[in-house]
Amino acid sequence: MMFVLMTHSEYVTACKETDADIFVIGGDWGDKPHNLAVEKYLKSKGKKIVQVNYSPKTSSSQIKLDVLAQFHKVTARTSKNVEFIDIEE
């Protein structure tokens, strides 16, 4: 299992390097070229894109903090091969 946080300039590269199965986006994702490029790449590989719509309970900053906390919990109590890569600027 692998968790990756990344900047928009790294989306396609990181998805290729990690062989991402699921890519989570926010409700404000938009149609900028880097967004369209990663969507095209993931769809061409049969991967899943999940959109999480914003609400006070679904802040992307809070989701990132929650993912990091869960990652640290999992790695603290298991010997499973779990990797975390943070390539966010």
N, C-alpha and C. Protein backbone atom coordinates (compact mmCIF):
# COMPACT_ATOMS: atom_id res chain seq x y z
N MET A 1 0.85 -1.17 0.00
CA MET A 1 0.00 0.00 0.00
C MET A 1 0.89 1.22 0.00
N MET A 2 0.45 2.25 -0.74
CA MET A 2 1.26 3.45 -0.83
C MET A 2 0.34 4.67 -0.82
N PHE A 3 0.73 5.69 -0.07
CA PHE A 3 0.03 6.97 -0.06
C PHE A 3 0.98 7.99 -0.66
N VAL A 4 0.47 8.83 -1.57
CA VAL A 4 1.31 9.83 -2.21
C VAL A 4 0.60 11.18 -2.18
N LEU A 5 1.26 12.20 -1.67
CA LEU A 5 0.78 13.56 -1.77
C LEU A 5 1.66 14.25 -2.79
N MET A 6 1.06 15.01 -3.72
CA MET A 6 1.86 15.59 -4.79
C MET A 6 1.34 16.95 -5.21
N THR A 7 2.17 17.67 -5.95
CA THR A 7 1.76 18.94 -6.53
C THR A 7 1.21 18.68 -7.92
N HIS A 8 0.46 19.64 -8.45
CA HIS A 8 -0.16 19.44 -9.77
C HIS A 8 0.85 19.18 -10.87
N SER A 9 2.04 19.73 -10.75
CA SER A 9 3.04 19.53 -11.80
C SER A 9 3.57 18.10 -11.82
N GLU A 10 3.30 17.33 -10.79
CA GLU A 10 3.83 15.97 -10.69
C GLU A 10 2.77 14.89 -10.89
N TYR A 11 1.53 15.24 -11.17
CA TYR A 11 0.45 14.25 -11.20
C TYR A 11 0.73 13.05 -12.10
N VAL A 12 0.95 13.27 -13.37
CA VAL A 12 1.13 12.16 -14.30
C VAL A 12 2.40 11.38 -13.97
N THR A 13 3.49 12.08 -13.72
CA THR A 13 4.75 11.42 -13.39
C THR A 13 4.60 10.53 -12.16
N ALA A 14 4.00 11.06 -11.12
CA ALA A 14 3.83 10.29 -9.88
C ALA A 14 2.90 9.11 -10.09
N CYS A 15 1.83 9.28 -10.86
CA CYS A 15 0.91 8.17 -11.13
C CYS A 15 1.61 7.06 -11.90
N LYS A 16 2.47 7.43 -12.84
CA LYS A 16 3.23 6.42 -13.58
C LYS A 16 4.22 5.70 -12.66
N GLU A 17 4.95 6.46 -11.87
CA GLU A 17 5.98 5.87 -11.01
C GLU A 17 5.39 4.98 -9.92
N THR A 18 4.22 5.31 -9.43
CA THR A 18 3.62 4.55 -8.33
C THR A 18 2.59 3.53 -8.80
N ASP A 19 2.26 3.56 -10.09
CA ASP A 19 1.21 2.69 -10.64
C ASP A 19 -0.08 2.86 -9.84
N ALA A 20 -0.48 4.13 -9.68
CA ALA A 20 -1.66 4.46 -8.86
C ALA A 20 -2.91 3.76 -9.39
N ASP A 21 -3.69 3.21 -8.47
CA ASP A 21 -4.96 2.58 -8.83
C ASP A 21 -6.13 3.54 -8.65
N ILE A 22 -6.02 4.43 -7.65
CA ILE A 22 -7.09 5.37 -7.32
C ILE A 22 -6.47 6.75 -7.16
N PHE A 23 -7.10 7.76 -7.76
CA PHE A 23 -6.64 9.13 -7.67
C PHE A 23 -7.80 9.94 -7.12
N VAL A 24 -7.60 10.60 -5.99
CA VAL A 24 -8.67 11.35 -5.33
C VAL A 24 -8.52 12.83 -5.64
N ILE A 25 -9.63 13.43 -6.08
CA ILE A 25 -9.64 14.86 -6.42
C ILE A 25 -10.72 15.57 -5.61
N GLY A 26 -10.58 16.88 -5.49
CA GLY A 26 -11.57 17.69 -4.79
C GLY A 26 -12.64 18.19 -5.73
N GLY A 27 -13.69 18.77 -5.17
CA GLY A 27 -14.79 19.29 -5.96
C GLY A 27 -14.40 20.46 -6.84
N ASP A 28 -13.29 21.10 -6.54
CA ASP A 28 -12.83 22.25 -7.31
C ASP A 28 -11.77 21.85 -8.34
N TRP A 29 -11.74 20.60 -8.74
CA TRP A 29 -10.71 20.05 -9.61
C TRP A 29 -10.50 20.86 -10.87
N GLY A 30 -11.53 21.17 -11.62
CA GLY A 30 -11.38 22.03 -12.80
C GLY A 30 -10.86 21.34 -14.04
N ASP A 31 -10.59 22.16 -15.05
CA ASP A 31 -10.17 21.62 -16.34
C ASP A 31 -8.87 22.24 -16.84
N LYS A 32 -7.96 22.48 -15.91
CA LYS A 32 -6.64 22.99 -16.30
C LYS A 32 -5.87 21.87 -17.01
N PRO A 33 -4.90 22.23 -17.85
CA PRO A 33 -4.18 21.22 -18.63
C PRO A 33 -3.58 20.09 -17.79
N HIS A 34 -3.00 20.40 -16.62
CA HIS A 34 -2.40 19.33 -15.81
C HIS A 34 -3.47 18.39 -15.25
N ASN A 35 -4.67 18.92 -14.99
CA ASN A 35 -5.77 18.07 -14.52
C ASN A 35 -6.25 17.15 -15.63
N LEU A 36 -6.44 17.72 -16.82
CA LEU A 36 -6.89 16.92 -17.95
C LEU A 36 -5.87 15.86 -18.33
N ALA A 37 -4.59 16.19 -18.21
CA ALA A 37 -3.53 15.22 -18.55
C ALA A 37 -3.56 14.01 -17.64
N VAL A 38 -3.73 14.23 -16.34
CA VAL A 38 -3.75 13.09 -15.43
C VAL A 38 -5.03 12.29 -15.60
N GLU A 39 -6.15 12.96 -15.84
CA GLU A 39 -7.41 12.23 -16.09
C GLU A 39 -7.28 11.34 -17.32
N LYS A 40 -6.72 11.89 -18.40
CA LYS A 40 -6.53 11.12 -19.63
C LYS A 40 -5.62 9.92 -19.39
N TYR A 41 -4.52 10.16 -18.68
CA TYR A 41 -3.58 9.06 -18.40
C TYR A 41 -4.26 7.95 -17.58
N LEU A 42 -4.93 8.34 -16.49
CA LEU A 42 -5.56 7.35 -15.62
C LEU A 42 -6.66 6.57 -16.34
N LYS A 43 -7.47 7.27 -17.11
CA LYS A 43 -8.53 6.59 -17.87
C LYS A 43 -7.95 5.62 -18.89
N SER A 44 -6.85 6.00 -19.51
CA SER A 44 -6.22 5.11 -20.51
C SER A 44 -5.68 3.84 -19.88
N LYS A 45 -5.40 3.89 -18.57
CA LYS A 45 -4.87 2.73 -17.85
C LYS A 45 -5.95 1.99 -17.07
N GLY A 46 -7.21 2.45 -17.19
CA GLY A 46 -8.32 1.79 -16.49
C GLY A 46 -8.31 2.04 -14.99
N LYS A 47 -7.72 3.16 -14.57
CA LYS A 47 -7.63 3.49 -13.15
C LYS A 47 -8.86 4.29 -12.72
N LYS A 48 -9.04 4.42 -11.42
CA LYS A 48 -10.23 5.06 -10.87
C LYS A 48 -9.92 6.46 -10.37
N ILE A 49 -10.80 7.41 -10.71
CA ILE A 49 -10.71 8.77 -10.20
C ILE A 49 -11.92 8.98 -9.30
N VAL A 50 -11.66 9.37 -8.05
CA VAL A 50 -12.73 9.59 -7.08
C VAL A 50 -12.76 11.07 -6.74
N GLN A 51 -13.94 11.68 -6.90
CA GLN A 51 -14.08 13.10 -6.56
C GLN A 51 -14.78 13.24 -5.22
N VAL A 52 -14.15 14.00 -4.33
CA VAL A 52 -14.70 14.28 -3.01
C VAL A 52 -15.17 15.73 -3.03
N ASN A 53 -16.48 15.92 -2.91
CA ASN A 53 -17.02 17.28 -2.92
C ASN A 53 -16.78 17.94 -1.58
N TYR A 54 -16.51 19.23 -1.63
CA TYR A 54 -16.20 19.99 -0.42
C TYR A 54 -17.42 20.16 0.48
N SER A 55 -17.19 20.03 1.74
CA SER A 55 -18.13 20.42 2.78
C SER A 55 -17.25 20.77 3.97
N PRO A 56 -17.79 21.37 5.01
CA PRO A 56 -16.95 21.68 6.17
C PRO A 56 -16.24 20.45 6.75
N LYS A 57 -16.77 19.27 6.47
CA LYS A 57 -16.17 18.03 6.99
C LYS A 57 -15.21 17.38 6.00
N THR A 58 -15.08 17.94 4.79
CA THR A 58 -14.20 17.32 3.79
C THR A 58 -13.17 18.29 3.24
N SER A 59 -12.54 19.03 4.08
CA SER A 59 -11.46 19.93 3.66
C SER A 59 -10.29 19.10 3.16
N SER A 60 -9.73 19.46 2.00
CA SER A 60 -8.60 18.68 1.48
C SER A 60 -7.40 18.73 2.41
N SER A 61 -7.21 19.86 3.08
CA SER A 61 -6.11 19.95 4.05
C SER A 61 -6.32 18.96 5.19
N GLN A 62 -7.56 18.86 5.66
CA GLN A 62 -7.85 17.93 6.76
C GLN A 62 -7.73 16.48 6.27
N ILE A 63 -8.17 16.22 5.04
CA ILE A 63 -8.04 14.86 4.50
C ILE A 63 -6.58 14.46 4.45
N LYS A 64 -5.70 15.35 4.01
CA LYS A 64 -4.26 15.05 3.97
C LYS A 64 -3.73 14.74 5.36
N LEU A 65 -4.14 15.54 6.35
CA LEU A 65 -3.71 15.28 7.73
C LEU A 65 -4.22 13.94 8.22
N ASP A 66 -5.47 13.61 7.89
CA ASP A 66 -6.05 12.32 8.30
C ASP A 66 -5.32 11.15 7.65
N VAL A 67 -5.00 11.29 6.36
CA VAL A 67 -4.28 10.23 5.65
C VAL A 67 -2.91 10.02 6.27
N LEU A 68 -2.22 11.10 6.58
CA LEU A 68 -0.91 10.98 7.22
C LEU A 68 -1.02 10.30 8.58
N ALA A 69 -2.02 10.68 9.37
CA ALA A 69 -2.21 10.07 10.69
C ALA A 69 -2.50 8.58 10.56
N GLN A 70 -3.37 8.21 9.60
CA GLN A 70 -3.68 6.80 9.39
C GLN A 70 -2.46 6.04 8.93
N PHE A 71 -1.68 6.64 8.06
CA PHE A 71 -0.46 6.00 7.57
C PHE A 71 0.47 5.70 8.74
N HIS A 72 0.67 6.67 9.62
CA HIS A 72 1.57 6.47 10.76
C HIS A 72 1.03 5.41 11.71
N LYS A 73 -0.27 5.34 11.89
CA LYS A 73 -0.88 4.29 12.73
C LYS A 73 -0.61 2.91 12.13
N VAL A 74 -0.85 2.78 10.83
CA VAL A 74 -0.67 1.49 10.16
C VAL A 74 0.78 1.05 10.23
N THR A 75 1.70 1.94 9.94
CA THR A 75 3.11 1.55 9.94
C THR A 75 3.61 1.28 11.35
N ALA A 76 3.02 1.90 12.35
CA ALA A 76 3.45 1.67 13.73
C ALA A 76 3.04 0.29 14.24
N ARG A 77 1.94 -0.24 13.72
CA ARG A 77 1.43 -1.50 14.27
C ARG A 77 1.53 -2.71 13.34
N THR A 78 2.15 -2.53 12.19
CA THR A 78 2.23 -3.64 11.25
C THR A 78 3.60 -3.71 10.61
N SER A 79 3.92 -4.87 10.13
CA SER A 79 5.18 -5.02 9.40
C SER A 79 4.92 -5.07 7.90
N LYS A 80 3.67 -4.75 7.49
CA LYS A 80 3.34 -4.77 6.07
C LYS A 80 4.17 -3.73 5.32
N ASN A 81 4.35 -3.99 4.07
CA ASN A 81 5.12 -3.09 3.22
C ASN A 81 4.24 -1.89 2.85
N VAL A 82 4.30 -0.85 3.65
CA VAL A 82 3.52 0.35 3.42
C VAL A 82 4.51 1.48 3.21
N GLU A 83 4.29 2.25 2.16
CA GLU A 83 5.23 3.30 1.80
C GLU A 83 4.49 4.63 1.70
N PHE A 84 5.12 5.70 2.12
CA PHE A 84 4.55 7.03 2.00
C PHE A 84 5.54 7.90 1.26
N ILE A 85 5.04 8.55 0.22
CA ILE A 85 5.89 9.46 -0.55
C ILE A 85 5.22 10.81 -0.54
N ASP A 86 5.93 11.83 -0.11
CA ASP A 86 5.41 13.20 -0.11
C ASP A 86 6.24 14.02 -1.07
N ILE A 87 5.64 14.30 -2.25
CA ILE A 87 6.36 15.11 -3.23
C ILE A 87 5.67 16.44 -3.40
N GLU A 88 4.94 16.83 -2.38
CA GLU A 88 4.26 18.11 -2.39
C GLU A 88 5.24 19.22 -2.07
N GLU A 89 5.11 20.35 -2.75
CA GLU A 89 6.02 21.47 -2.52
C GLU A 89 5.68 22.18 -1.23
